[in-house]
Amino acid sequence: MLGKIVKGALALLPFIMEALKGFVAEVQLSDVYTFDDARYWFRERKDVKDSDDGIIAFTLFSERDGSKTIVIGLFNKKTNEVLDGEMIRTKRIDEKLTAIHSGNELVIYE
């Protein structure tokens, strides 16, 4: 699932942001959130992702006042709907996730 990382997927950002407005994501608190945590989350939902070629996996990163937030989810490009997602508030993200999101608020995983 995480074979190809598409950086700078800005064209999808407004659609995902709009879809998230109506989506209630579970909030998790974490001291450190890692790429492996994200990989595990995606792996647990592989059947959903693989059920339709219009479904993409994404992480959305924001940082405000030293607090970091990662939204991880599955988005259906055909229906502009978030199918599953989770919001993680964390003090720190690991080096790999930091590098992936360097200069990119939204990263799509294909």
PDB file of N, CA and C in Angstrom:
ATOM      1  N   MET A   1       0.814  -1.200   0.000  1.00  0.00           N
ATOM      2  CA  MET A   1       0.000   0.000   0.000  1.00  0.00           C
ATOM      3  C   MET A   1       0.854   1.260   0.000  1.00  0.00           C
ATOM      4  N   LEU A   2       1.971   1.238   0.683  1.00  0.00           N
ATOM      5  CA  LEU A   2       2.780   2.443   0.766  1.00  0.00           C
ATOM      6  C   LEU A   2       3.969   2.379  -0.171  1.00  0.00           C
ATOM      7  N   GLY A   3       3.764   1.797  -1.333  1.00  0.00           N
ATOM      8  CA  GLY A   3       4.855   1.669  -2.275  1.00  0.00           C
ATOM      9  C   GLY A   3       5.294   2.984  -2.881  1.00  0.00           C
ATOM     10  N   LYS A   4       4.355   3.817  -3.283  1.00  0.00           N
ATOM     11  CA  LYS A   4       4.692   5.069  -3.954  1.00  0.00           C
ATOM     12  C   LYS A   4       4.082   6.230  -3.175  1.00  0.00           C
ATOM     13  N   ILE A   5       4.923   7.164  -2.809  1.00  0.00           N
ATOM     14  CA  ILE A   5       4.464   8.336  -2.079  1.00  0.00           C
ATOM     15  C   ILE A   5       4.396   9.495  -3.063  1.00  0.00           C
ATOM     16  N   VAL A   6       3.236  10.094  -3.182  1.00  0.00           N
ATOM     17  CA  VAL A   6       3.018  11.193  -4.106  1.00  0.00           C
ATOM     18  C   VAL A   6       3.063  12.483  -3.299  1.00  0.00           C
ATOM     19  N   LYS A   7       4.173  13.209  -3.407  1.00  0.00           N
ATOM     20  CA  LYS A   7       4.291  14.452  -2.662  1.00  0.00           C
ATOM     21  C   LYS A   7       3.649  15.586  -3.454  1.00  0.00           C
ATOM     22  N   GLY A   8       3.199  16.600  -2.735  1.00  0.00           N
ATOM     23  CA  GLY A   8       2.658  17.780  -3.395  1.00  0.00           C
ATOM     24  C   GLY A   8       1.348  17.531  -4.098  1.00  0.00           C
ATOM     25  N   ALA A   9       0.493  16.748  -3.496  1.00  0.00           N
ATOM     26  CA  ALA A   9      -0.794  16.433  -4.102  1.00  0.00           C
ATOM     27  C   ALA A   9      -1.805  17.531  -3.782  1.00  0.00           C
ATOM     28  N   LEU A  10      -1.419  18.750  -4.062  1.00  0.00           N
ATOM     29  CA  LEU A  10      -2.227  19.905  -3.675  1.00  0.00           C
ATOM     30  C   LEU A  10      -3.583  19.957  -4.355  1.00  0.00           C
ATOM     31  N   ALA A  11      -3.714  19.355  -5.504  1.00  0.00           N
ATOM     32  CA  ALA A  11      -4.996  19.391  -6.214  1.00  0.00           C
ATOM     33  C   ALA A  11      -6.093  18.711  -5.406  1.00  0.00           C
ATOM     34  N   LEU A  12      -5.731  17.723  -4.602  1.00  0.00           N
ATOM     35  CA  LEU A  12      -6.725  17.007  -3.809  1.00  0.00           C
ATOM     36  C   LEU A  12      -6.982  17.649  -2.446  1.00  0.00           C
ATOM     37  N   LEU A  13      -6.107  18.541  -2.022  1.00  0.00           N
ATOM     38  CA  LEU A  13      -6.210  19.121  -0.683  1.00  0.00           C
ATOM     39  C   LEU A  13      -7.566  19.761  -0.409  1.00  0.00           C
ATOM     40  N   PRO A  14      -8.107  20.615  -1.283  1.00  0.00           N
ATOM     41  CA  PRO A  14      -9.405  21.212  -0.973  1.00  0.00           C
ATOM     42  C   PRO A  14     -10.532  20.182  -0.830  1.00  0.00           C
ATOM     43  N   PHE A  15     -10.481  19.122  -1.622  1.00  0.00           N
ATOM     44  CA  PHE A  15     -11.507  18.082  -1.558  1.00  0.00           C
ATOM     45  C   PHE A  15     -11.423  17.310  -0.246  1.00  0.00           C
ATOM     46  N   ILE A  16     -10.203  16.985   0.150  1.00  0.00           N
ATOM     47  CA  ILE A  16     -10.016  16.258   1.406  1.00  0.00           C
ATOM     48  C   ILE A  16     -10.404  17.142   2.584  1.00  0.00           C
ATOM     49  N   MET A  17      -9.998  18.401   2.563  1.00  0.00           N
ATOM     50  CA  MET A  17     -10.345  19.317   3.649  1.00  0.00           C
ATOM     51  C   MET A  17     -11.866  19.468   3.765  1.00  0.00           C
ATOM     52  N   GLU A  18     -12.551  19.593   2.651  1.00  0.00           N
ATOM     53  CA  GLU A  18     -14.012  19.722   2.665  1.00  0.00           C
ATOM     54  C   GLU A  18     -14.656  18.435   3.205  1.00  0.00           C
ATOM     55  N   ALA A  19     -14.153  17.290   2.771  1.00  0.00           N
ATOM     56  CA  ALA A  19     -14.704  16.013   3.230  1.00  0.00           C
ATOM     57  C   ALA A  19     -14.466  15.814   4.724  1.00  0.00           C
ATOM     58  N   LEU A  20     -13.358  16.319   5.235  1.00  0.00           N
ATOM     59  CA  LEU A  20     -13.062  16.171   6.657  1.00  0.00           C
ATOM     60  C   LEU A  20     -14.005  16.988   7.532  1.00  0.00           C
ATOM     61  N   LYS A  21     -14.593  18.038   6.977  1.00  0.00           N
ATOM     62  CA  LYS A  21     -15.519  18.870   7.766  1.00  0.00           C
ATOM     63  C   LYS A  21     -16.696  18.053   8.286  1.00  0.00           C
ATOM     64  N   GLY A  22     -17.156  17.118   7.508  1.00  0.00           N
ATOM     65  CA  GLY A  22     -18.296  16.306   7.912  1.00  0.00           C
ATOM     66  C   GLY A  22     -17.907  14.972   8.519  1.00  0.00           C
ATOM     67  N   PHE A  23     -16.630  14.770   8.728  1.00  0.00           N
ATOM     68  CA  PHE A  23     -16.141  13.488   9.220  1.00  0.00           C
ATOM     69  C   PHE A  23     -15.654  13.651  10.651  1.00  0.00           C
ATOM     70  N   VAL A  24     -16.137  12.828  11.538  1.00  0.00           N
ATOM     71  CA  VAL A  24     -15.691  12.872  12.925  1.00  0.00           C
ATOM     72  C   VAL A  24     -14.612  11.816  13.094  1.00  0.00           C
ATOM     73  N   ALA A  25     -13.380  12.284  13.230  1.00  0.00           N
ATOM     74  CA  ALA A  25     -12.260  11.362  13.377  1.00  0.00           C
ATOM     75  C   ALA A  25     -11.965  11.161  14.859  1.00  0.00           C
ATOM     76  N   GLU A  26     -11.559   9.964  15.178  1.00  0.00           N
ATOM     77  CA  GLU A  26     -11.143   9.668  16.542  1.00  0.00           C
ATOM     78  C   GLU A  26      -9.826  10.396  16.808  1.00  0.00           C
ATOM     79  N   VAL A  27      -9.712  11.011  17.963  1.00  0.00           N
ATOM     80  CA  VAL A  27      -8.493  11.735  18.312  1.00  0.00           C
ATOM     81  C   VAL A  27      -7.647  10.854  19.226  1.00  0.00           C
ATOM     82  N   GLN A  28      -6.426  10.649  18.813  1.00  0.00           N
ATOM     83  CA  GLN A  28      -5.460   9.901  19.605  1.00  0.00           C
ATOM     84  C   GLN A  28      -4.380  10.861  20.079  1.00  0.00           C
ATOM     85  N   LEU A  29      -3.917  10.680  21.292  1.00  0.00           N
ATOM     86  CA  LEU A  29      -2.812  11.473  21.818  1.00  0.00           C
ATOM     87  C   LEU A  29      -1.589  10.579  21.874  1.00  0.00           C
ATOM     88  N   SER A  30      -0.459  11.134  21.465  1.00  0.00           N
ATOM     89  CA  SER A  30       0.757  10.335  21.392  1.00  0.00           C
ATOM     90  C   SER A  30       1.961  11.219  21.685  1.00  0.00           C
ATOM     91  N   ASP A  31       2.965  10.653  22.364  1.00  0.00           N
ATOM     92  CA  ASP A  31       4.204  11.399  22.568  1.00  0.00           C
ATOM     93  C   ASP A  31       4.996  11.474  21.271  1.00  0.00           C
ATOM     94  N   VAL A  32       5.035  10.348  20.545  1.00  0.00           N
ATOM     95  CA  VAL A  32       5.752  10.273  19.272  1.00  0.00           C
ATOM     96  C   VAL A  32       4.883   9.486  18.294  1.00  0.00           C
ATOM     97  N   TYR A  33       4.708  10.018  17.090  1.00  0.00           N
ATOM     98  CA  TYR A  33       3.997   9.289  16.037  1.00  0.00           C
ATOM     99  C   TYR A  33       4.994   8.999  14.940  1.00  0.00           C
ATOM    100  N   THR A  34       5.015   7.756  14.477  1.00  0.00           N
ATOM    101  CA  THR A  34       6.041   7.324  13.536  1.00  0.00           C
ATOM    102  C   THR A  34       5.446   6.896  12.191  1.00  0.00           C
ATOM    103  N   PHE A  35       6.317   6.826  11.209  1.00  0.00           N
ATOM    104  CA  PHE A  35       5.921   6.305   9.900  1.00  0.00           C
ATOM    105  C   PHE A  35       5.401   4.873  10.038  1.00  0.00           C
ATOM    106  N   ASP A  36       6.029   4.099  10.920  1.00  0.00           N
ATOM    107  CA  ASP A  36       5.577   2.722  11.136  1.00  0.00           C
ATOM    108  C   ASP A  36       4.161   2.683  11.721  1.00  0.00           C
ATOM    109  N   ASP A  37       3.821   3.652  12.578  1.00  0.00           N
ATOM    110  CA  ASP A  37       2.451   3.752  13.090  1.00  0.00           C
ATOM    111  C   ASP A  37       1.474   3.965  11.933  1.00  0.00           C
ATOM    112  N   ALA A  38       1.831   4.871  11.029  1.00  0.00           N
ATOM    113  CA  ALA A  38       0.988   5.147   9.863  1.00  0.00           C
ATOM    114  C   ALA A  38       0.894   3.917   8.976  1.00  0.00           C
ATOM    115  N   ARG A  39       1.989   3.249   8.755  1.00  0.00           N
ATOM    116  CA  ARG A  39       2.000   2.046   7.919  1.00  0.00           C
ATOM    117  C   ARG A  39       1.085   0.972   8.509  1.00  0.00           C
ATOM    118  N   TYR A  40       1.138   0.809   9.819  1.00  0.00           N
ATOM    119  CA  TYR A  40       0.275  -0.168  10.487  1.00  0.00           C
ATOM    120  C   TYR A  40      -1.198   0.210  10.292  1.00  0.00           C
ATOM    121  N   TRP A  41      -1.524   1.503  10.460  1.00  0.00           N
ATOM    122  CA  TRP A  41      -2.905   1.966  10.295  1.00  0.00           C
ATOM    123  C   TRP A  41      -3.400   1.652   8.885  1.00  0.00           C
ATOM    124  N   PHE A  42      -2.581   1.947   7.873  1.00  0.00           N
ATOM    125  CA  PHE A  42      -2.962   1.668   6.487  1.00  0.00           C
ATOM    126  C   PHE A  42      -3.091   0.162   6.236  1.00  0.00           C
ATOM    127  N   ARG A  43      -2.169  -0.614   6.780  1.00  0.00           N
ATOM    128  CA  ARG A  43      -2.191  -2.066   6.577  1.00  0.00           C
ATOM    129  C   ARG A  43      -3.486  -2.671   7.132  1.00  0.00           C
ATOM    130  N   GLU A  44      -3.948  -2.147   8.267  1.00  0.00           N
ATOM    131  CA  GLU A  44      -5.184  -2.641   8.878  1.00  0.00           C
ATOM    132  C   GLU A  44      -6.412  -2.350   8.004  1.00  0.00           C
ATOM    133  N   ARG A  45      -6.297  -1.408   7.072  1.00  0.00           N
ATOM    134  CA  ARG A  45      -7.413  -1.007   6.214  1.00  0.00           C
ATOM    135  C   ARG A  45      -7.157  -1.313   4.739  1.00  0.00           C
ATOM    136  N   LYS A  46      -6.227  -2.213   4.497  1.00  0.00           N
ATOM    137  CA  LYS A  46      -5.820  -2.556   3.127  1.00  0.00           C
ATOM    138  C   LYS A  46      -6.997  -3.039   2.279  1.00  0.00           C
ATOM    139  N   ASP A  47      -7.890  -3.840   2.860  1.00  0.00           N
ATOM    140  CA  ASP A  47      -9.034  -4.360   2.095  1.00  0.00           C
ATOM    141  C   ASP A  47      -9.929  -3.231   1.590  1.00  0.00           C
ATOM    142  N   VAL A  48     -10.146  -2.219   2.416  1.00  0.00           N
ATOM    143  CA  VAL A  48     -10.957  -1.067   1.994  1.00  0.00           C
ATOM    144  C   VAL A  48     -10.245  -0.327   0.875  1.00  0.00           C
ATOM    145  N   LYS A  49      -8.966  -0.055   1.055  1.00  0.00           N
ATOM    146  CA  LYS A  49      -8.173   0.681   0.053  1.00  0.00           C
ATOM    147  C   LYS A  49      -8.176  -0.057  -1.280  1.00  0.00           C
ATOM    148  N   ASP A  50      -8.010  -1.360  -1.227  1.00  0.00           N
ATOM    149  CA  ASP A  50      -7.896  -2.160  -2.445  1.00  0.00           C
ATOM    150  C   ASP A  50      -9.247  -2.452  -3.105  1.00  0.00           C
ATOM    151  N   SER A  51     -10.347  -2.108  -2.439  1.00  0.00           N
ATOM    152  CA  SER A  51     -11.671  -2.426  -2.979  1.00  0.00           C
ATOM    153  C   SER A  51     -12.084  -1.520  -4.138  1.00  0.00           C
ATOM    154  N   ASP A  52     -11.390  -0.396  -4.318  1.00  0.00           N
ATOM    155  CA  ASP A  52     -11.773   0.565  -5.357  1.00  0.00           C
ATOM    156  C   ASP A  52     -10.541   1.368  -5.751  1.00  0.00           C
ATOM    157  N   ASP A  53     -10.261   1.462  -7.046  1.00  0.00           N
ATOM    158  CA  ASP A  53      -9.068   2.195  -7.482  1.00  0.00           C
ATOM    159  C   ASP A  53      -9.185   3.705  -7.275  1.00  0.00           C
ATOM    160  N   GLY A  54     -10.357   4.177  -6.893  1.00  0.00           N
ATOM    161  CA  GLY A  54     -10.541   5.596  -6.607  1.00  0.00           C
ATOM    162  C   GLY A  54     -10.226   5.966  -5.178  1.00  0.00           C
ATOM    163  N   ILE A  55      -9.879   4.970  -4.355  1.00  0.00           N
ATOM    164  CA  ILE A  55      -9.574   5.229  -2.946  1.00  0.00           C
ATOM    165  C   ILE A  55      -8.075   5.439  -2.788  1.00  0.00           C
ATOM    166  N   ILE A  56      -7.732   6.537  -2.134  1.00  0.00           N
ATOM    167  CA  ILE A  56      -6.321   6.839  -1.873  1.00  0.00           C
ATOM    168  C   ILE A  56      -6.104   6.932  -0.367  1.00  0.00           C
ATOM    169  N   ALA A  57      -4.886   6.663   0.031  1.00  0.00           N
ATOM    170  CA  ALA A  57      -4.471   6.810   1.423  1.00  0.00           C
ATOM    171  C   ALA A  57      -3.734   8.142   1.534  1.00  0.00           C
ATOM    172  N   PHE A  58      -3.916   8.824   2.670  1.00  0.00           N
ATOM    173  CA  PHE A  58      -3.258  10.124   2.827  1.00  0.00           C
ATOM    174  C   PHE A  58      -2.882  10.392   4.271  1.00  0.00           C
ATOM    175  N   THR A  59      -1.911  11.259   4.442  1.00  0.00           N
ATOM    176  CA  THR A  59      -1.644  11.887   5.733  1.00  0.00           C
ATOM    177  C   THR A  59      -1.620  13.389   5.504  1.00  0.00           C
ATOM    178  N   LEU A  60      -2.174  14.094   6.459  1.00  0.00           N
ATOM    179  CA  LEU A  60      -2.261  15.549   6.425  1.00  0.00           C
ATOM    180  C   LEU A  60      -1.596  16.048   7.698  1.00  0.00           C
ATOM    181  N   PHE A  61      -0.596  16.914   7.557  1.00  0.00           N
ATOM    182  CA  PHE A  61       0.194  17.358   8.702  1.00  0.00           C
ATOM    183  C   PHE A  61      -0.005  18.846   8.953  1.00  0.00           C
ATOM    184  N   SER A  62      -0.145  19.202  10.216  1.00  0.00           N
ATOM    185  CA  SER A  62      -0.167  20.613  10.592  1.00  0.00           C
ATOM    186  C   SER A  62       0.548  20.772  11.927  1.00  0.00           C
ATOM    187  N   GLU A  63       1.076  21.961  12.117  1.00  0.00           N
ATOM    188  CA  GLU A  63       1.783  22.267  13.360  1.00  0.00           C
ATOM    189  C   GLU A  63       1.381  23.658  13.805  1.00  0.00           C
ATOM    190  N   ARG A  64       0.993  23.745  15.070  1.00  0.00           N
ATOM    191  CA  ARG A  64       0.574  25.027  15.619  1.00  0.00           C
ATOM    192  C   ARG A  64       1.024  25.112  17.070  1.00  0.00           C
ATOM    193  N   ASP A  65       1.743  26.168  17.396  1.00  0.00           N
ATOM    194  CA  ASP A  65       2.202  26.401  18.769  1.00  0.00           C
ATOM    195  C   ASP A  65       2.939  25.199  19.355  1.00  0.00           C
ATOM    196  N   GLY A  66       3.754  24.549  18.541  1.00  0.00           N
ATOM    197  CA  GLY A  66       4.550  23.419  19.004  1.00  0.00           C
ATOM    198  C   GLY A  66       3.795  22.106  19.061  1.00  0.00           C
ATOM    199  N   SER A  67       2.495  22.131  18.845  1.00  0.00           N
ATOM    200  CA  SER A  67       1.694  20.912  18.827  1.00  0.00           C
ATOM    201  C   SER A  67       1.546  20.441  17.386  1.00  0.00           C
ATOM    202  N   LYS A  68       1.752  19.180  17.180  1.00  0.00           N
ATOM    203  CA  LYS A  68       1.668  18.607  15.834  1.00  0.00           C
ATOM    204  C   LYS A  68       0.408  17.757  15.716  1.00  0.00           C
ATOM    205  N   THR A  69      -0.226  17.842  14.562  1.00  0.00           N
ATOM    206  CA  THR A  69      -1.412  17.038  14.289  1.00  0.00           C
ATOM    207  C   THR A  69      -1.236  16.325  12.957  1.00  0.00           C
ATOM    208  N   ILE A  70      -1.482  15.028  12.995  1.00  0.00           N
ATOM    209  CA  ILE A  70      -1.483  14.211  11.777  1.00  0.00           C
ATOM    210  C   ILE A  70      -2.904  13.683  11.605  1.00  0.00           C
ATOM    211  N   VAL A  71      -3.469  13.899  10.436  1.00  0.00           N
ATOM    212  CA  VAL A  71      -4.732  13.248  10.090  1.00  0.00           C
ATOM    213  C   VAL A  71      -4.370  12.177   9.078  1.00  0.00           C
ATOM    214  N   ILE A  72      -4.746  10.963   9.386  1.00  0.00           N
ATOM    215  CA  ILE A  72      -4.456   9.832   8.519  1.00  0.00           C
ATOM    216  C   ILE A  72      -5.792   9.294   8.025  1.00  0.00           C
ATOM    217  N   GLY A  73      -5.874   8.969   6.745  1.00  0.00           N
ATOM    218  CA  GLY A  73      -7.176   8.520   6.282  1.00  0.00           C
ATOM    219  C   GLY A  73      -7.192   7.880   4.908  1.00  0.00           C
ATOM    220  N   LEU A  74      -8.390   7.470   4.554  1.00  0.00           N
ATOM    221  CA  LEU A  74      -8.695   6.928   3.228  1.00  0.00           C
ATOM    222  C   LEU A  74      -9.742   7.835   2.607  1.00  0.00           C
ATOM    223  N   PHE A  75      -9.483   8.265   1.379  1.00  0.00           N
ATOM    224  CA  PHE A  75     -10.342   9.224   0.681  1.00  0.00           C
ATOM    225  C   PHE A  75     -10.752   8.634  -0.656  1.00  0.00           C
ATOM    226  N   ASN A  76     -12.044   8.707  -0.956  1.00  0.00           N
ATOM    227  CA  ASN A  76     -12.547   8.229  -2.237  1.00  0.00           C
ATOM    228  C   ASN A  76     -12.620   9.417  -3.199  1.00  0.00           C
ATOM    229  N   LYS A  77     -11.779   9.412  -4.211  1.00  0.00           N
ATOM    230  CA  LYS A  77     -11.716  10.512  -5.182  1.00  0.00           C
ATOM    231  C   LYS A  77     -12.984  10.600  -6.029  1.00  0.00           C
ATOM    232  N   LYS A  78     -13.691   9.501  -6.194  1.00  0.00           N
ATOM    233  CA  LYS A  78     -14.897   9.495  -7.019  1.00  0.00           C
ATOM    234  C   LYS A  78     -16.073  10.154  -6.311  1.00  0.00           C
ATOM    235  N   THR A  79     -16.157   9.971  -4.988  1.00  0.00           N
ATOM    236  CA  THR A  79     -17.287  10.502  -4.224  1.00  0.00           C
ATOM    237  C   THR A  79     -16.903  11.694  -3.349  1.00  0.00           C
ATOM    238  N   ASN A  80     -15.595  12.045  -3.338  1.00  0.00           N
ATOM    239  CA  ASN A  80     -15.078  13.115  -2.470  1.00  0.00           C
ATOM    240  C   ASN A  80     -15.473  12.889  -1.012  1.00  0.00           C
ATOM    241  N   GLU A  81     -15.269  11.656  -0.564  1.00  0.00           N
ATOM    242  CA  GLU A  81     -15.671  11.277   0.779  1.00  0.00           C
ATOM    243  C   GLU A  81     -14.499  10.635   1.524  1.00  0.00           C
ATOM    244  N   VAL A  82     -14.315  11.037   2.791  1.00  0.00           N
ATOM    245  CA  VAL A  82     -13.358  10.359   3.654  1.00  0.00           C
ATOM    246  C   VAL A  82     -14.052   9.110   4.184  1.00  0.00           C
ATOM    247  N   LEU A  83     -13.480   7.950   3.891  1.00  0.00           N
ATOM    248  CA  LEU A  83     -14.097   6.683   4.282  1.00  0.00           C
ATOM    249  C   LEU A  83     -13.712   6.265   5.691  1.00  0.00           C
ATOM    250  N   ASP A  84     -12.506   6.601   6.073  1.00  0.00           N
ATOM    251  CA  ASP A  84     -12.009   6.257   7.400  1.00  0.00           C
ATOM    252  C   ASP A  84     -10.884   7.223   7.715  1.00  0.00           C
ATOM    253  N   GLY A  85     -10.743   7.560   8.959  1.00  0.00           N
ATOM    254  CA  GLY A  85      -9.678   8.476   9.321  1.00  0.00           C
ATOM    255  C   GLY A  85      -9.492   8.567  10.813  1.00  0.00           C
ATOM    256  N   GLU A  86      -8.370   9.129  11.173  1.00  0.00           N
ATOM    257  CA  GLU A  86      -8.033   9.306  12.569  1.00  0.00           C
ATOM    258  C   GLU A  86      -7.170  10.549  12.703  1.00  0.00           C
ATOM    259  N   MET A  87      -7.379  11.294  13.761  1.00  0.00           N
ATOM    260  CA  MET A  87      -6.564  12.474  14.033  1.00  0.00           C
ATOM    261  C   MET A  87      -5.645  12.154  15.206  1.00  0.00           C
ATOM    262  N   ILE A  88      -4.363  12.419  15.025  1.00  0.00           N
ATOM    263  CA  ILE A  88      -3.381  12.142  16.062  1.00  0.00           C
ATOM    264  C   ILE A  88      -2.723  13.451  16.473  1.00  0.00           C
ATOM    265  N   ARG A  89      -2.813  13.776  17.728  1.00  0.00           N
ATOM    266  CA  ARG A  89      -2.093  14.939  18.273  1.00  0.00           C
ATOM    267  C   ARG A  89      -0.865  14.397  18.974  1.00  0.00           C
ATOM    268  N   THR A  90       0.266  14.951  18.614  1.00  0.00           N
ATOM    269  CA  THR A  90       1.519  14.405  19.109  1.00  0.00           C
ATOM    270  C   THR A  90       2.522  15.510  19.402  1.00  0.00           C
ATOM    271  N   LYS A  91       3.453  15.196  20.266  1.00  0.00           N
ATOM    272  CA  LYS A  91       4.525  16.145  20.572  1.00  0.00           C
ATOM    273  C   LYS A  91       5.603  16.111  19.484  1.00  0.00           C
ATOM    274  N   ARG A  92       5.735  14.922  18.866  1.00  0.00           N
ATOM    275  CA  ARG A  92       6.820  14.760  17.895  1.00  0.00           C
ATOM    276  C   ARG A  92       6.447  13.701  16.869  1.00  0.00           C
ATOM    277  N   ILE A  93       6.927  13.886  15.630  1.00  0.00           N
ATOM    278  CA  ILE A  93       6.843  12.832  14.619  1.00  0.00           C
ATOM    279  C   ILE A  93       8.265  12.405  14.270  1.00  0.00           C
ATOM    280  N   ASP A  94       8.411  11.172  13.865  1.00  0.00           N
ATOM    281  CA  ASP A  94       9.747  10.646  13.602  1.00  0.00           C
ATOM    282  C   ASP A  94      10.369  11.260  12.348  1.00  0.00           C
ATOM    283  N   GLU A  95      11.656  10.962  12.140  1.00  0.00           N
ATOM    284  CA  GLU A  95      12.414  11.552  11.031  1.00  0.00           C
ATOM    285  C   GLU A  95      11.841  11.196   9.668  1.00  0.00           C
ATOM    286  N   LYS A  96      11.394   9.954   9.509  1.00  0.00           N
ATOM    287  CA  LYS A  96      10.889   9.527   8.200  1.00  0.00           C
ATOM    288  C   LYS A  96       9.600  10.274   7.842  1.00  0.00           C
ATOM    289  N   LEU A  97       8.681  10.389   8.778  1.00  0.00           N
ATOM    290  CA  LEU A  97       7.430  11.108   8.525  1.00  0.00           C
ATOM    291  C   LEU A  97       7.700  12.601   8.342  1.00  0.00           C
ATOM    292  N   THR A  98       8.658  13.123   9.100  1.00  0.00           N
ATOM    293  CA  THR A  98       9.062  14.524   8.940  1.00  0.00           C
ATOM    294  C   THR A  98       9.592  14.764   7.537  1.00  0.00           C
ATOM    295  N   ALA A  99      10.439  13.860   7.056  1.00  0.00           N
ATOM    296  CA  ALA A  99      11.020  13.998   5.712  1.00  0.00           C
ATOM    297  C   ALA A  99       9.935  13.902   4.635  1.00  0.00           C
ATOM    298  N   ILE A 100       9.000  12.987   4.813  1.00  0.00           N
ATOM    299  CA  ILE A 100       7.929  12.817   3.829  1.00  0.00           C
ATOM    300  C   ILE A 100       7.083  14.082   3.735  1.00  0.00           C
ATOM    301  N   HIS A 101       6.840  14.708   4.878  1.00  0.00           N
ATOM    302  CA  HIS A 101       5.986  15.896   4.899  1.00  0.00           C
ATOM    303  C   HIS A 101       6.762  17.204   4.734  1.00  0.00           C
ATOM    304  N   SER A 102       8.052  17.118   4.551  1.00  0.00           N
ATOM    305  CA  SER A 102       8.854  18.325   4.374  1.00  0.00           C
ATOM    306  C   SER A 102       8.353  19.125   3.168  1.00  0.00           C
ATOM    307  N   GLY A 103       7.774  20.287   3.438  1.00  0.00           N
ATOM    308  CA  GLY A 103       7.250  21.135   2.372  1.00  0.00           C
ATOM    309  C   GLY A 103       5.906  20.674   1.827  1.00  0.00           C
ATOM    310  N   ASN A 104       5.307  19.657   2.450  1.00  0.00           N
ATOM    311  CA  ASN A 104       4.048  19.104   1.959  1.00  0.00           C
ATOM    312  C   ASN A 104       3.072  18.893   3.106  1.00  0.00           C
ATOM    313  N   GLU A 105       2.036  19.677   3.127  1.00  0.00           N
ATOM    314  CA  GLU A 105       0.995  19.502   4.142  1.00  0.00           C
ATOM    315  C   GLU A 105       0.265  18.175   3.920  1.00  0.00           C
ATOM    316  N   LEU A 106       0.022  17.836   2.664  1.00  0.00           N
ATOM    317  CA  LEU A 106      -0.703  16.630   2.290  1.00  0.00           C
ATOM    318  C   LEU A 106       0.219  15.688   1.528  1.00  0.00           C
ATOM    319  N   VAL A 107       0.222  14.418   1.926  1.00  0.00           N
ATOM    320  CA  VAL A 107       0.964  13.397   1.186  1.00  0.00           C
ATOM    321  C   VAL A 107      -0.003  12.250   0.881  1.00  0.00           C
ATOM    322  N   ILE A 108      -0.011  11.829  -0.377  1.00  0.00           N
ATOM    323  CA  ILE A 108      -0.837  10.732  -0.859  1.00  0.00           C
ATOM    324  C   ILE A 108       0.050   9.505  -1.008  1.00  0.00           C
ATOM    325  N   TYR A 109      -0.453   8.361  -0.570  1.00  0.00           N
ATOM    326  CA  TYR A 109       0.291   7.109  -0.657  1.00  0.00           C
ATOM    327  C   TYR A 109      -0.446   6.198  -1.636  1.00  0.00           C
ATOM    328  N   GLU A 110       0.257   5.751  -2.675  1.00  0.00           N
ATOM    329  CA  GLU A 110      -0.366   4.853  -3.661  1.00  0.00           C
ATOM    330  C   GLU A 110       0.329   3.510  -3.652  1.00  0.00           C
TER     331      GLU A 110
END
